[in-house]
Amino acid sequence: MIQKTKQPEWQDETGKMIPLKYISPLNRLKERTTASLLINAKKLNENLTEFKTSVKNLCNDVYAKAQEELKTQNISKGNFTFFNFDRSIKIEVSISERIDFDDLTIQACKSKLNEFLSSTLDSKQKFVKELVNDAFSTAKGKLDAKKVLNLVKYRSKIKHELFQEALNLLEESIRRPDSKTYFRIWERAEGGEYNLIDLNFSSI
């Protein structure tokens, strides 16, 4: 609630009405300052949100035109970068997709891997024990998705039935609850390096 000096009473955080004459000059200044900052911050946020939508639409136009000219319409959309003609401006579009695992299924995967590790491993497969232990180590109780998914690279190298079954469970456990697209705009400096125009789009 924004309160003004023309009001005879101001409401405090408990809901109690306080006569204006008992409100100090400092509290009146803080009221004006916080109100002004909030109003301007909301306007800037609204403008930035609109600009991000514009950036997204324009980048999508470039992506669609590139697919049309390069005849690559069947390629799924991912990270991409493009430049203006003299390469003084660089636009980056990166997609970050969060990966989680279904708890019960990933536990079944780990159990199957433990069975595999308990079986007789030949000399070429012994490295897998360290690989599995590293993949299922946790930080603050959470698995590192990249480490876990790294196991899939060994599907063609380790043909053991238990290992193959574990990877099937691993792939079944994957959940992609959300993804986020980041847009970054860079300008080339005289020295040739690109400087980021910081717009803090990530939270919008």
N, C-alpha and C. Protein backbone atom coordinates (compact mmCIF):
# COMPACT_ATOMS: atom_id res chain seq x y z
N MET A 1 0.85 -1.19 0.00
CA MET A 1 0.00 0.00 0.00
C MET A 1 0.88 1.24 0.00
N ILE A 2 0.62 2.16 -0.92
CA ILE A 2 1.34 3.43 -0.96
C ILE A 2 0.49 4.50 -0.29
N GLN A 3 1.07 5.16 0.71
CA GLN A 3 0.31 6.14 1.50
C GLN A 3 0.87 7.55 1.28
N LYS A 4 -0.01 8.54 1.29
CA LYS A 4 0.36 9.91 0.96
C LYS A 4 0.06 10.85 2.12
N THR A 5 0.75 11.99 2.10
CA THR A 5 0.62 12.94 3.22
C THR A 5 -0.75 13.61 3.27
N LYS A 6 -1.51 13.51 2.18
CA LYS A 6 -2.86 14.10 2.22
C LYS A 6 -3.84 13.21 3.00
N GLN A 7 -3.39 11.98 3.30
CA GLN A 7 -4.24 11.10 4.10
C GLN A 7 -4.09 11.46 5.58
N PRO A 8 -5.19 11.56 6.31
CA PRO A 8 -5.09 11.94 7.73
C PRO A 8 -4.47 10.84 8.60
N GLU A 9 -4.55 9.60 8.14
CA GLU A 9 -4.01 8.50 8.91
C GLU A 9 -3.28 7.52 7.97
N TRP A 10 -2.24 6.88 8.52
CA TRP A 10 -1.52 5.84 7.77
C TRP A 10 -1.69 4.51 8.49
N GLN A 11 -1.78 3.45 7.70
CA GLN A 11 -1.94 2.11 8.28
C GLN A 11 -0.56 1.46 8.44
N ASP A 12 -0.30 0.91 9.64
CA ASP A 12 0.99 0.24 9.84
C ASP A 12 0.87 -1.24 9.50
N GLU A 13 1.97 -2.01 9.74
CA GLU A 13 1.98 -3.41 9.33
C GLU A 13 1.00 -4.29 10.09
N THR A 14 0.53 -3.80 11.23
CA THR A 14 -0.44 -4.59 12.00
C THR A 14 -1.88 -4.26 11.62
N GLY A 15 -2.05 -3.23 10.75
CA GLY A 15 -3.39 -2.80 10.37
C GLY A 15 -3.90 -1.64 11.20
N LYS A 16 -3.11 -1.22 12.15
CA LYS A 16 -3.52 -0.12 13.02
C LYS A 16 -3.39 1.21 12.29
N MET A 17 -4.36 2.10 12.46
CA MET A 17 -4.34 3.40 11.82
C MET A 17 -3.62 4.40 12.71
N ILE A 18 -2.61 5.07 12.17
CA ILE A 18 -1.80 6.03 12.92
C ILE A 18 -2.03 7.43 12.37
N PRO A 19 -2.41 8.40 13.21
CA PRO A 19 -2.58 9.79 12.73
C PRO A 19 -1.30 10.30 12.10
N LEU A 20 -1.43 11.04 11.01
CA LEU A 20 -0.28 11.51 10.25
C LEU A 20 0.66 12.36 11.10
N LYS A 21 0.12 13.10 12.06
CA LYS A 21 0.96 13.99 12.87
C LYS A 21 1.96 13.23 13.74
N TYR A 22 1.73 11.92 13.93
CA TYR A 22 2.65 11.11 14.74
C TYR A 22 3.70 10.38 13.87
N ILE A 23 3.64 10.60 12.58
CA ILE A 23 4.58 9.93 11.68
C ILE A 23 5.74 10.86 11.41
N SER A 24 6.96 10.39 11.69
CA SER A 24 8.16 11.24 11.63
C SER A 24 8.50 11.62 10.19
N PRO A 25 9.27 12.71 10.02
CA PRO A 25 9.74 13.09 8.67
C PRO A 25 10.53 11.98 7.99
N LEU A 26 11.31 11.23 8.78
CA LEU A 26 12.08 10.13 8.20
C LEU A 26 11.15 9.07 7.61
N ASN A 27 10.12 8.68 8.35
CA ASN A 27 9.18 7.67 7.85
C ASN A 27 8.40 8.18 6.64
N ARG A 28 8.12 9.47 6.61
CA ARG A 28 7.45 10.05 5.45
C ARG A 28 8.36 10.00 4.22
N LEU A 29 9.67 10.31 4.44
CA LEU A 29 10.63 10.24 3.34
C LEU A 29 10.77 8.81 2.84
N LYS A 30 10.84 7.85 3.75
CA LYS A 30 10.96 6.45 3.35
C LYS A 30 9.73 6.01 2.57
N GLU A 31 8.57 6.49 2.95
CA GLU A 31 7.33 6.14 2.25
C GLU A 31 7.38 6.65 0.81
N ARG A 32 7.81 7.92 0.63
CA ARG A 32 7.89 8.49 -0.72
C ARG A 32 8.94 7.77 -1.56
N THR A 33 10.07 7.48 -0.94
CA THR A 33 11.18 6.85 -1.67
C THR A 33 10.85 5.44 -2.10
N THR A 34 10.31 4.65 -1.18
CA THR A 34 9.98 3.26 -1.53
C THR A 34 8.89 3.21 -2.58
N ALA A 35 7.92 4.13 -2.49
CA ALA A 35 6.83 4.15 -3.47
C ALA A 35 7.38 4.48 -4.86
N SER A 36 8.26 5.50 -4.92
CA SER A 36 8.83 5.90 -6.20
C SER A 36 9.67 4.78 -6.81
N LEU A 37 10.49 4.14 -5.99
CA LEU A 37 11.34 3.06 -6.49
C LEU A 37 10.51 1.87 -6.96
N LEU A 38 9.46 1.55 -6.23
CA LEU A 38 8.60 0.43 -6.62
C LEU A 38 7.92 0.70 -7.96
N ILE A 39 7.36 1.90 -8.11
CA ILE A 39 6.65 2.25 -9.35
C ILE A 39 7.59 2.18 -10.54
N ASN A 40 8.80 2.76 -10.39
CA ASN A 40 9.77 2.75 -11.50
C ASN A 40 10.29 1.36 -11.78
N ALA A 41 10.50 0.57 -10.73
CA ALA A 41 10.98 -0.80 -10.92
C ALA A 41 9.97 -1.63 -11.69
N LYS A 42 8.69 -1.45 -11.38
CA LYS A 42 7.65 -2.20 -12.08
C LYS A 42 7.58 -1.79 -13.56
N LYS A 43 7.76 -0.50 -13.83
CA LYS A 43 7.75 -0.03 -15.22
C LYS A 43 8.92 -0.63 -15.99
N LEU A 44 10.10 -0.61 -15.37
CA LEU A 44 11.28 -1.18 -16.02
C LEU A 44 11.10 -2.67 -16.26
N ASN A 45 10.54 -3.36 -15.28
CA ASN A 45 10.30 -4.81 -15.42
C ASN A 45 9.34 -5.09 -16.56
N GLU A 46 8.30 -4.27 -16.65
CA GLU A 46 7.32 -4.43 -17.73
C GLU A 46 7.96 -4.19 -19.09
N ASN A 47 8.79 -3.14 -19.18
CA ASN A 47 9.47 -2.84 -20.44
C ASN A 47 10.45 -3.95 -20.81
N LEU A 48 11.17 -4.47 -19.81
CA LEU A 48 12.13 -5.53 -20.07
C LEU A 48 11.43 -6.81 -20.50
N THR A 49 10.28 -7.08 -19.90
CA THR A 49 9.50 -8.25 -20.28
C THR A 49 9.05 -8.15 -21.73
N GLU A 50 8.57 -6.96 -22.10
CA GLU A 50 8.14 -6.74 -23.49
C GLU A 50 9.32 -6.87 -24.44
N PHE A 51 10.49 -6.34 -24.03
CA PHE A 51 11.67 -6.43 -24.89
C PHE A 51 12.13 -7.88 -25.05
N LYS A 52 12.06 -8.65 -23.97
CA LYS A 52 12.45 -10.05 -24.07
C LYS A 52 11.54 -10.80 -25.04
N THR A 53 10.25 -10.50 -25.01
CA THR A 53 9.32 -11.13 -25.95
C THR A 53 9.69 -10.76 -27.38
N SER A 54 10.06 -9.50 -27.58
CA SER A 54 10.48 -9.04 -28.91
C SER A 54 11.75 -9.77 -29.35
N VAL A 55 12.73 -9.89 -28.45
CA VAL A 55 13.98 -10.60 -28.75
C VAL A 55 13.68 -12.04 -29.13
N LYS A 56 12.82 -12.69 -28.37
CA LYS A 56 12.46 -14.08 -28.64
C LYS A 56 11.84 -14.24 -30.03
N ASN A 57 10.89 -13.36 -30.35
CA ASN A 57 10.21 -13.45 -31.65
C ASN A 57 11.18 -13.20 -32.80
N LEU A 58 12.08 -12.22 -32.64
CA LEU A 58 13.03 -11.91 -33.71
C LEU A 58 14.03 -13.04 -33.89
N CYS A 59 14.48 -13.63 -32.79
CA CYS A 59 15.41 -14.76 -32.90
C CYS A 59 14.73 -15.96 -33.54
N ASN A 60 13.47 -16.17 -33.22
CA ASN A 60 12.72 -17.25 -33.85
C ASN A 60 12.59 -17.02 -35.36
N ASP A 61 12.42 -15.74 -35.76
CA ASP A 61 12.35 -15.42 -37.18
C ASP A 61 13.66 -15.77 -37.89
N VAL A 62 14.78 -15.43 -37.25
CA VAL A 62 16.09 -15.74 -37.83
C VAL A 62 16.28 -17.25 -37.94
N TYR A 63 15.90 -17.96 -36.87
CA TYR A 63 16.04 -19.42 -36.86
C TYR A 63 15.21 -20.06 -37.98
N ALA A 64 13.97 -19.59 -38.11
CA ALA A 64 13.09 -20.15 -39.15
C ALA A 64 13.62 -19.86 -40.54
N LYS A 65 14.15 -18.64 -40.74
CA LYS A 65 14.69 -18.28 -42.06
C LYS A 65 15.95 -19.09 -42.37
N ALA A 66 16.77 -19.34 -41.34
CA ALA A 66 17.97 -20.15 -41.53
C ALA A 66 17.60 -21.57 -41.92
N GLN A 67 16.59 -22.13 -41.26
CA GLN A 67 16.14 -23.48 -41.62
C GLN A 67 15.63 -23.53 -43.05
N GLU A 68 14.91 -22.47 -43.44
CA GLU A 68 14.36 -22.42 -44.80
C GLU A 68 15.48 -22.37 -45.84
N GLU A 69 16.46 -21.50 -45.63
CA GLU A 69 17.53 -21.35 -46.62
C GLU A 69 18.49 -22.53 -46.63
N LEU A 70 18.73 -23.11 -45.45
CA LEU A 70 19.67 -24.23 -45.36
C LEU A 70 18.99 -25.59 -45.52
N LYS A 71 17.65 -25.53 -45.70
CA LYS A 71 16.87 -26.75 -45.89
C LYS A 71 17.11 -27.76 -44.75
N THR A 72 16.94 -27.26 -43.52
CA THR A 72 17.16 -28.09 -42.33
C THR A 72 15.93 -28.07 -41.42
N GLN A 73 14.75 -28.06 -42.02
CA GLN A 73 13.53 -27.93 -41.22
C GLN A 73 13.31 -29.07 -40.23
N ASN A 74 13.91 -30.21 -40.48
CA ASN A 74 13.67 -31.36 -39.61
C ASN A 74 14.60 -31.41 -38.39
N ILE A 75 15.52 -30.45 -38.31
CA ILE A 75 16.44 -30.42 -37.17
C ILE A 75 15.76 -29.75 -35.99
N SER A 76 15.78 -30.42 -34.84
CA SER A 76 15.12 -29.86 -33.65
C SER A 76 15.87 -28.62 -33.17
N LYS A 77 15.16 -27.71 -32.58
CA LYS A 77 15.73 -26.45 -32.15
C LYS A 77 16.62 -26.64 -30.92
N GLY A 78 17.79 -26.03 -30.96
CA GLY A 78 18.70 -26.08 -29.82
C GLY A 78 19.41 -24.76 -29.69
N ASN A 79 20.59 -24.77 -29.07
CA ASN A 79 21.37 -23.55 -28.93
C ASN A 79 21.83 -23.06 -30.31
N PHE A 80 21.83 -21.76 -30.50
CA PHE A 80 22.39 -21.22 -31.74
C PHE A 80 22.87 -19.79 -31.53
N THR A 81 23.79 -19.39 -32.39
CA THR A 81 24.40 -18.06 -32.34
C THR A 81 24.37 -17.47 -33.75
N PHE A 82 24.09 -16.18 -33.84
CA PHE A 82 24.17 -15.54 -35.15
C PHE A 82 24.73 -14.13 -35.00
N PHE A 83 25.23 -13.57 -36.11
CA PHE A 83 25.91 -12.28 -36.12
C PHE A 83 25.27 -11.36 -37.15
N ASN A 84 25.56 -10.07 -37.00
CA ASN A 84 25.21 -9.15 -38.08
C ASN A 84 26.26 -9.29 -39.18
N PHE A 85 26.13 -8.51 -40.25
CA PHE A 85 26.94 -8.73 -41.45
C PHE A 85 28.44 -8.57 -41.20
N ASP A 86 28.84 -7.54 -40.41
CA ASP A 86 30.28 -7.34 -40.16
C ASP A 86 30.73 -7.99 -38.85
N ARG A 87 29.86 -8.79 -38.27
CA ARG A 87 30.14 -9.56 -37.06
C ARG A 87 30.50 -8.68 -35.86
N SER A 88 29.99 -7.46 -35.84
CA SER A 88 30.22 -6.58 -34.70
C SER A 88 29.17 -6.80 -33.61
N ILE A 89 28.09 -7.50 -33.95
CA ILE A 89 27.03 -7.82 -32.98
C ILE A 89 26.82 -9.33 -33.00
N LYS A 90 26.78 -9.90 -31.81
CA LYS A 90 26.56 -11.35 -31.69
C LYS A 90 25.34 -11.59 -30.81
N ILE A 91 24.47 -12.48 -31.27
CA ILE A 91 23.29 -12.86 -30.51
C ILE A 91 23.39 -14.36 -30.18
N GLU A 92 23.26 -14.68 -28.93
CA GLU A 92 23.31 -16.08 -28.49
C GLU A 92 21.95 -16.49 -27.94
N VAL A 93 21.49 -17.65 -28.36
CA VAL A 93 20.27 -18.24 -27.82
C VAL A 93 20.66 -19.60 -27.26
N SER A 94 20.49 -19.77 -25.97
CA SER A 94 20.85 -21.06 -25.35
C SER A 94 19.68 -21.59 -24.55
N ILE A 95 19.47 -22.89 -24.68
CA ILE A 95 18.35 -23.55 -24.02
C ILE A 95 18.89 -24.44 -22.91
N SER A 96 18.45 -24.16 -21.70
CA SER A 96 18.87 -24.95 -20.55
C SER A 96 17.68 -25.81 -20.12
N GLU A 97 17.86 -27.12 -20.17
CA GLU A 97 16.78 -28.03 -19.82
C GLU A 97 17.14 -28.79 -18.55
N ARG A 98 16.33 -28.59 -17.53
CA ARG A 98 16.60 -29.26 -16.26
C ARG A 98 16.19 -30.72 -16.35
N ILE A 99 17.08 -31.60 -15.88
CA ILE A 99 16.81 -33.03 -15.91
C ILE A 99 16.72 -33.56 -14.49
N ASP A 100 15.64 -34.23 -14.20
CA ASP A 100 15.44 -34.91 -12.92
C ASP A 100 15.26 -36.40 -13.19
N PHE A 101 15.21 -37.17 -12.12
CA PHE A 101 15.00 -38.60 -12.24
C PHE A 101 13.84 -39.04 -11.34
N ASP A 102 13.03 -39.93 -11.87
CA ASP A 102 11.98 -40.54 -11.05
C ASP A 102 12.66 -41.36 -9.95
N ASP A 103 12.32 -41.09 -8.69
CA ASP A 103 13.04 -41.67 -7.56
C ASP A 103 13.05 -43.20 -7.58
N LEU A 104 11.88 -43.80 -7.73
CA LEU A 104 11.79 -45.25 -7.65
C LEU A 104 12.53 -45.93 -8.80
N THR A 105 12.40 -45.35 -9.99
CA THR A 105 13.03 -45.95 -11.17
C THR A 105 14.55 -45.82 -11.12
N ILE A 106 15.06 -44.67 -10.68
CA ILE A 106 16.51 -44.51 -10.60
C ILE A 106 17.09 -45.38 -9.49
N GLN A 107 16.30 -45.62 -8.44
CA GLN A 107 16.76 -46.53 -7.39
C GLN A 107 16.84 -47.96 -7.92
N ALA A 108 15.87 -48.33 -8.75
CA ALA A 108 15.90 -49.65 -9.38
C ALA A 108 17.11 -49.77 -10.31
N CYS A 109 17.43 -48.70 -11.01
CA CYS A 109 18.60 -48.66 -11.87
C CYS A 109 19.86 -48.89 -11.05
N LYS A 110 19.99 -48.18 -9.93
CA LYS A 110 21.17 -48.32 -9.07
C LYS A 110 21.27 -49.74 -8.52
N SER A 111 20.13 -50.31 -8.15
CA SER A 111 20.13 -51.68 -7.64
C SER A 111 20.61 -52.66 -8.71
N LYS A 112 20.15 -52.45 -9.94
CA LYS A 112 20.56 -53.31 -11.05
C LYS A 112 22.06 -53.16 -11.34
N LEU A 113 22.56 -51.94 -11.21
CA LEU A 113 23.99 -51.72 -11.40
C LEU A 113 24.81 -52.40 -10.30
N ASN A 114 24.27 -52.38 -9.09
CA ASN A 114 24.96 -53.06 -7.99
C ASN A 114 25.03 -54.56 -8.23
N GLU A 115 23.95 -55.10 -8.80
CA GLU A 115 23.96 -56.53 -9.17
C GLU A 115 25.06 -56.79 -10.20
N PHE A 116 25.14 -55.90 -11.17
CA PHE A 116 26.16 -56.04 -12.21
C PHE A 116 27.57 -55.98 -11.62
N LEU A 117 27.78 -55.03 -10.69
CA LEU A 117 29.10 -54.88 -10.09
C LEU A 117 29.46 -56.06 -9.20
N SER A 118 28.44 -56.71 -8.65
CA SER A 118 28.68 -57.88 -7.79
C SER A 118 28.94 -59.14 -8.59
N SER A 119 28.62 -59.10 -9.87
CA SER A 119 28.86 -60.25 -10.74
C SER A 119 30.34 -60.28 -11.12
N THR A 120 30.74 -61.33 -11.79
CA THR A 120 32.13 -61.46 -12.20
C THR A 120 32.42 -60.51 -13.34
N LEU A 121 33.28 -59.54 -13.09
CA LEU A 121 33.64 -58.58 -14.12
C LEU A 121 34.98 -58.96 -14.72
N ASP A 122 35.07 -58.87 -16.03
CA ASP A 122 36.38 -59.13 -16.63
C ASP A 122 37.26 -57.90 -16.46
N SER A 123 38.52 -58.00 -16.80
CA SER A 123 39.49 -56.94 -16.56
C SER A 123 39.13 -55.64 -17.28
N LYS A 124 38.43 -55.77 -18.42
CA LYS A 124 38.06 -54.59 -19.20
C LYS A 124 36.87 -53.85 -18.60
N GLN A 125 36.14 -54.50 -17.69
CA GLN A 125 34.93 -53.90 -17.14
C GLN A 125 35.10 -53.35 -15.73
N LYS A 126 36.26 -53.59 -15.12
CA LYS A 126 36.45 -53.19 -13.72
C LYS A 126 36.41 -51.68 -13.51
N PHE A 127 36.72 -50.92 -14.56
CA PHE A 127 36.67 -49.46 -14.45
C PHE A 127 35.25 -48.96 -14.20
N VAL A 128 34.25 -49.81 -14.52
CA VAL A 128 32.85 -49.37 -14.41
C VAL A 128 32.46 -49.13 -12.96
N LYS A 129 33.07 -49.85 -12.02
CA LYS A 129 32.73 -49.68 -10.60
C LYS A 129 32.98 -48.25 -10.16
N GLU A 130 34.14 -47.72 -10.51
CA GLU A 130 34.46 -46.33 -10.16
C GLU A 130 33.53 -45.37 -10.89
N LEU A 131 33.21 -45.70 -12.12
CA LEU A 131 32.32 -44.87 -12.93
C LEU A 131 30.94 -44.78 -12.29
N VAL A 132 30.41 -45.93 -11.87
CA VAL A 132 29.07 -45.98 -11.27
C VAL A 132 29.06 -45.25 -9.92
N ASN A 133 30.07 -45.51 -9.10
CA ASN A 133 30.13 -44.84 -7.80
C ASN A 133 30.19 -43.33 -7.94
N ASP A 134 30.94 -42.87 -8.93
CA ASP A 134 31.04 -41.43 -9.17
C ASP A 134 29.71 -40.89 -9.67
N ALA A 135 29.06 -41.62 -10.56
CA ALA A 135 27.79 -41.17 -11.13
C ALA A 135 26.70 -41.02 -10.08
N PHE A 136 26.71 -41.89 -9.07
CA PHE A 136 25.65 -41.86 -8.07
C PHE A 136 26.07 -41.19 -6.76
N SER A 137 27.22 -40.52 -6.79
CA SER A 137 27.58 -39.69 -5.63
C SER A 137 26.66 -38.47 -5.65
N THR A 138 26.33 -37.96 -4.49
CA THR A 138 25.37 -36.85 -4.41
C THR A 138 26.01 -35.61 -3.82
N ALA A 139 25.48 -34.47 -4.20
CA ALA A 139 25.86 -33.19 -3.62
C ALA A 139 24.60 -32.58 -3.02
N LYS A 140 24.61 -32.39 -1.71
CA LYS A 140 23.43 -31.89 -0.99
C LYS A 140 22.21 -32.78 -1.25
N GLY A 141 22.46 -34.09 -1.34
CA GLY A 141 21.37 -35.05 -1.50
C GLY A 141 20.85 -35.18 -2.91
N LYS A 142 21.47 -34.51 -3.88
CA LYS A 142 20.98 -34.56 -5.26
C LYS A 142 22.02 -35.18 -6.18
N LEU A 143 21.52 -35.93 -7.15
CA LEU A 143 22.39 -36.52 -8.16
C LEU A 143 22.81 -35.47 -9.18
N ASP A 144 23.99 -35.65 -9.74
CA ASP A 144 24.45 -34.81 -10.84
C ASP A 144 23.99 -35.49 -12.13
N ALA A 145 23.02 -34.88 -12.81
CA ALA A 145 22.41 -35.50 -14.00
C ALA A 145 23.45 -35.82 -15.07
N LYS A 146 24.42 -34.93 -15.26
CA LYS A 146 25.43 -35.16 -16.30
C LYS A 146 26.24 -36.42 -16.01
N LYS A 147 26.62 -36.60 -14.75
CA LYS A 147 27.40 -37.78 -14.38
C LYS A 147 26.60 -39.06 -14.57
N VAL A 148 25.33 -39.02 -14.18
CA VAL A 148 24.48 -40.21 -14.32
C VAL A 148 24.29 -40.55 -15.79
N LEU A 149 23.97 -39.54 -16.59
CA LEU A 149 23.72 -39.78 -18.01
C LEU A 149 24.99 -40.19 -18.76
N ASN A 150 26.14 -39.90 -18.19
CA ASN A 150 27.40 -40.30 -18.80
C ASN A 150 27.51 -41.82 -18.94
N LEU A 151 26.77 -42.54 -18.08
CA LEU A 151 26.79 -44.01 -18.14
C LEU A 151 26.25 -44.53 -19.47
N VAL A 152 25.33 -43.79 -20.07
CA VAL A 152 24.71 -44.25 -21.31
C VAL A 152 25.73 -44.39 -22.43
N LYS A 153 26.83 -43.64 -22.35
CA LYS A 153 27.86 -43.71 -23.39
C LYS A 153 28.49 -45.10 -23.50
N TYR A 154 28.34 -45.89 -22.43
CA TYR A 154 29.00 -47.20 -22.41
C TYR A 154 28.07 -48.35 -22.80
N ARG A 155 26.88 -47.99 -23.30
CA ARG A 155 25.92 -49.04 -23.68
C ARG A 155 26.50 -49.98 -24.75
N SER A 156 27.16 -49.40 -25.74
CA SER A 156 27.69 -50.23 -26.83
C SER A 156 28.97 -50.97 -26.45
N LYS A 157 29.60 -50.56 -25.35
CA LYS A 157 30.88 -51.17 -24.96
C LYS A 157 30.70 -52.30 -23.95
N ILE A 158 29.64 -52.21 -23.15
CA ILE A 158 29.41 -53.22 -22.11
C ILE A 158 28.10 -53.92 -22.42
N LYS A 159 28.18 -55.12 -22.91
CA LYS A 159 27.00 -55.84 -23.39
C LYS A 159 26.32 -56.68 -22.30
N HIS A 160 26.87 -56.68 -21.10
CA HIS A 160 26.31 -57.51 -20.03
C HIS A 160 24.83 -57.20 -19.84
N GLU A 161 24.04 -58.24 -19.68
CA GLU A 161 22.58 -58.09 -19.59
C GLU A 161 22.16 -57.17 -18.45
N LEU A 162 22.79 -57.32 -17.28
CA LEU A 162 22.41 -56.49 -16.12
C LEU A 162 22.72 -55.02 -16.37
N PHE A 163 23.84 -54.77 -17.02
CA PHE A 163 24.20 -53.38 -17.33
C PHE A 163 23.22 -52.78 -18.32
N GLN A 164 22.84 -53.54 -19.32
CA GLN A 164 21.88 -53.08 -20.31
C GLN A 164 20.52 -52.81 -19.67
N GLU A 165 20.09 -53.68 -18.77
CA GLU A 165 18.81 -53.49 -18.07
C GLU A 165 18.86 -52.24 -17.20
N ALA A 166 20.02 -52.00 -16.57
CA ALA A 166 20.17 -50.81 -15.72
C ALA A 166 20.05 -49.55 -16.57
N LEU A 167 20.66 -49.55 -17.75
CA LEU A 167 20.58 -48.37 -18.62
C LEU A 167 19.16 -48.15 -19.12
N ASN A 168 18.43 -49.23 -19.36
CA ASN A 168 17.02 -49.10 -19.75
C ASN A 168 16.23 -48.39 -18.65
N LEU A 169 16.49 -48.79 -17.40
CA LEU A 169 15.82 -48.15 -16.27
C LEU A 169 16.25 -46.70 -16.13
N LEU A 170 17.52 -46.45 -16.37
CA LEU A 170 18.02 -45.07 -16.30
C LEU A 170 17.29 -44.19 -17.29
N GLU A 171 17.20 -44.63 -18.52
CA GLU A 171 16.53 -43.82 -19.55
C GLU A 171 15.04 -43.66 -19.25
N GLU A 172 14.46 -44.69 -18.65
CA GLU A 172 13.04 -44.61 -18.28
C GLU A 172 12.82 -43.63 -17.14
N SER A 173 13.82 -43.44 -16.30
CA SER A 173 13.67 -42.59 -15.11
C SER A 173 13.78 -41.11 -15.41
N ILE A 174 14.27 -40.76 -16.61
CA ILE A 174 14.55 -39.35 -16.92
C ILE A 174 13.26 -38.53 -16.99
N ARG A 175 13.28 -37.41 -16.32
CA ARG A 175 12.17 -36.45 -16.35
C ARG A 175 12.72 -35.08 -16.72
N ARG A 176 12.03 -34.40 -17.61
CA ARG A 176 12.42 -33.05 -18.01
C ARG A 176 11.28 -32.09 -17.64
N PRO A 177 11.25 -31.66 -16.39
CA PRO A 177 10.11 -30.86 -15.91
C PRO A 177 10.00 -29.48 -16.54
N ASP A 178 11.11 -28.89 -16.94
CA ASP A 178 11.02 -27.57 -17.55
C ASP A 178 12.31 -27.25 -18.30
N SER A 179 12.22 -26.25 -19.12
CA SER A 179 13.40 -25.76 -19.83
C SER A 179 13.32 -24.24 -19.85
N LYS A 180 14.48 -23.62 -19.99
CA LYS A 180 14.52 -22.16 -19.99
C LYS A 180 15.42 -21.70 -21.13
N THR A 181 14.99 -20.67 -21.84
CA THR A 181 15.77 -20.14 -22.95
C THR A 181 16.40 -18.83 -22.53
N TYR A 182 17.70 -18.71 -22.79
CA TYR A 182 18.45 -17.51 -22.44
C TYR A 182 18.88 -16.79 -23.72
N PHE A 183 18.74 -15.47 -23.71
CA PHE A 183 19.13 -14.64 -24.84
C PHE A 183 20.26 -13.71 -24.37
N ARG A 184 21.35 -13.68 -25.13
CA ARG A 184 22.47 -12.80 -24.77
C ARG A 184 22.87 -11.98 -26.00
N ILE A 185 23.05 -10.69 -25.77
CA ILE A 185 23.40 -9.77 -26.86
C ILE A 185 24.79 -9.21 -26.57
N TRP A 186 25.68 -9.36 -27.55
CA TRP A 186 27.07 -8.95 -27.38
C TRP A 186 27.43 -7.90 -28.44
N GLU A 187 28.34 -7.00 -28.06
CA GLU A 187 28.87 -6.01 -29.00
C GLU A 187 30.39 -6.13 -29.03
N ARG A 188 30.96 -6.15 -30.25
CA ARG A 188 32.41 -6.28 -30.37
C ARG A 188 33.11 -4.96 -30.08
N ALA A 189 34.10 -5.05 -29.21
CA ALA A 189 34.89 -3.86 -28.86
C ALA A 189 36.03 -3.68 -29.87
N GLU A 190 36.77 -2.60 -29.72
CA GLU A 190 37.86 -2.29 -30.66
C GLU A 190 38.93 -3.37 -30.65
N GLY A 191 39.13 -4.00 -29.49
CA GLY A 191 40.15 -5.03 -29.38
C GLY A 191 39.74 -6.36 -29.98
N GLY A 192 38.48 -6.48 -30.40
CA GLY A 192 38.00 -7.71 -31.02
C GLY A 192 37.19 -8.59 -30.10
N GLU A 193 37.27 -8.35 -28.78
CA GLU A 193 36.48 -9.16 -27.85
C GLU A 193 35.04 -8.67 -27.83
N TYR A 194 34.14 -9.56 -27.46
CA TYR A 194 32.72 -9.20 -27.39
C TYR A 194 32.34 -8.89 -25.94
N ASN A 195 31.64 -7.77 -25.75
CA ASN A 195 31.17 -7.37 -24.44
C ASN A 195 29.67 -7.63 -24.33
N LEU A 196 29.27 -8.28 -23.25
CA LEU A 196 27.86 -8.60 -23.02
C LEU A 196 27.08 -7.36 -22.61
N ILE A 197 25.95 -7.14 -23.26
CA ILE A 197 25.00 -6.12 -22.81
C ILE A 197 24.14 -6.76 -21.74
N ASP A 198 24.37 -6.41 -20.49
CA ASP A 198 23.73 -7.11 -19.38
C ASP A 198 22.28 -6.64 -19.22
N LEU A 199 21.36 -7.55 -19.50
CA LEU A 199 19.92 -7.25 -19.40
C LEU A 199 19.23 -8.09 -18.33
N ASN A 200 19.93 -9.06 -17.77
CA ASN A 200 19.38 -9.92 -16.72
C ASN A 200 18.02 -10.49 -17.11
N PHE A 201 17.96 -11.11 -18.29
CA PHE A 201 16.72 -11.74 -18.76
C PHE A 201 16.38 -13.01 -17.98
N SER A 202 17.36 -13.58 -17.29
CA SER A 202 17.20 -14.95 -16.77
C SER A 202 16.03 -15.11 -15.82
N SER A 203 15.69 -14.05 -15.07
CA SER A 203 14.61 -14.18 -14.09
C SER A 203 13.25 -13.79 -14.64
N ILE A 204 13.20 -13.46 -15.93
CA ILE A 204 11.92 -13.00 -16.53
C ILE A 204 11.35 -14.08 -17.43
